[in-house]
Amino acid sequence: MNTINDPVLEEWAKWGEGGKQPELKNLVEMLVKLNGQKIDALREIQQQLLSEKFSQIMKKEQQDG
C-alpha cells in the first residue's frame, strides 16, 4: 500500500486544522510522548539490572578463584 496517498493518513495529518478537534490531537500526541518516555525508562532499568547482574557474576567468579 502506498502510504503517501493513504486517505486515513491524510485525515490524521489534518488533525487540529480547521474543523478538527485539536484537543484530541493534543491528547494523542501526549500519549505517544508518554509512551516513548516509558520505553526509555524501561530501557534504563533494563540496563541497570543487567549491569548489576553482571557485577554480581564477576564478584562471584573472583571469590571462587
Protein backbone atom coordinates (compact mmCIF):
# COMPACT_ATOMS: atom_id res chain seq x y z
CA MET A 1 0.00 0.00 0.00
CA ASN A 2 1.31 3.42 -0.86
CA THR A 3 1.21 5.38 2.39
CA ILE A 4 1.68 8.74 0.66
CA ASN A 5 -1.78 8.53 -0.93
CA ASP A 6 -3.42 6.82 2.04
CA PRO A 7 -6.64 8.75 2.84
CA VAL A 8 -6.50 7.73 6.51
CA LEU A 9 -3.02 9.19 6.91
CA GLU A 10 -4.08 12.33 5.09
CA GLU A 11 -7.00 12.69 7.52
CA TRP A 12 -4.74 12.20 10.53
CA ALA A 13 -2.32 14.80 9.16
CA LYS A 14 -5.16 17.34 9.19
CA TRP A 15 -5.98 16.93 12.90
CA GLY A 16 -6.03 20.27 14.64
CA GLU A 17 -6.68 22.16 11.42
CA GLY A 18 -10.00 23.79 10.65
CA GLY A 19 -12.96 21.82 11.98
CA LYS A 20 -10.90 19.07 13.57
CA GLN A 21 -10.69 18.75 17.34
CA PRO A 22 -7.25 20.00 18.39
CA GLU A 23 -7.68 18.68 21.94
CA LEU A 24 -7.96 15.14 20.56
CA LYS A 25 -4.80 15.66 18.51
CA ASN A 26 -3.01 17.03 21.58
CA LEU A 27 -4.17 14.06 23.65
CA VAL A 28 -2.86 11.56 21.10
CA GLU A 29 0.46 13.43 20.85
CA MET A 30 0.82 13.45 24.66
CA LEU A 31 0.04 9.71 24.82
CA VAL A 32 2.69 8.99 22.18
CA LYS A 33 5.22 11.13 24.07
CA LEU A 34 4.37 9.43 27.38
CA ASN A 35 4.69 6.01 25.79
CA GLY A 36 8.13 6.95 24.47
CA GLN A 37 9.18 8.14 27.92
CA LYS A 38 8.02 4.85 29.45
CA ILE A 39 10.01 2.88 26.89
CA ASP A 40 13.12 4.95 27.64
CA ALA A 41 12.67 4.44 31.39
CA LEU A 42 12.24 0.68 30.97
CA ARG A 43 15.39 0.50 28.83
CA GLU A 44 17.34 2.35 31.52
CA ILE A 45 16.04 -0.04 34.18
CA GLN A 46 16.94 -3.00 31.97
CA GLN A 47 20.49 -1.72 31.54
CA GLN A 48 20.78 -1.11 35.27
CA LEU A 49 19.59 -4.63 36.10
CA LEU A 50 21.89 -6.18 33.52
CA SER A 51 24.90 -4.28 34.83
CA GLU A 52 24.05 -5.25 38.43
CA LYS A 53 23.67 -8.90 37.44
CA PHE A 54 26.98 -8.77 35.56
CA SER A 55 28.62 -7.20 38.59
CA GLN A 56 27.28 -9.96 40.83
CA ILE A 57 28.55 -12.65 38.46
CA MET A 58 32.01 -11.07 38.32
CA LYS A 59 32.19 -10.79 42.14
CA LYS A 60 31.21 -14.45 42.49
CA GLU A 61 33.86 -15.53 39.97
CA GLN A 62 36.52 -13.52 41.82
CA GLN A 63 35.52 -15.11 45.13
CA ASP A 64 35.54 -18.59 43.62
CA GLY A 65 39.05 -18.03 42.42
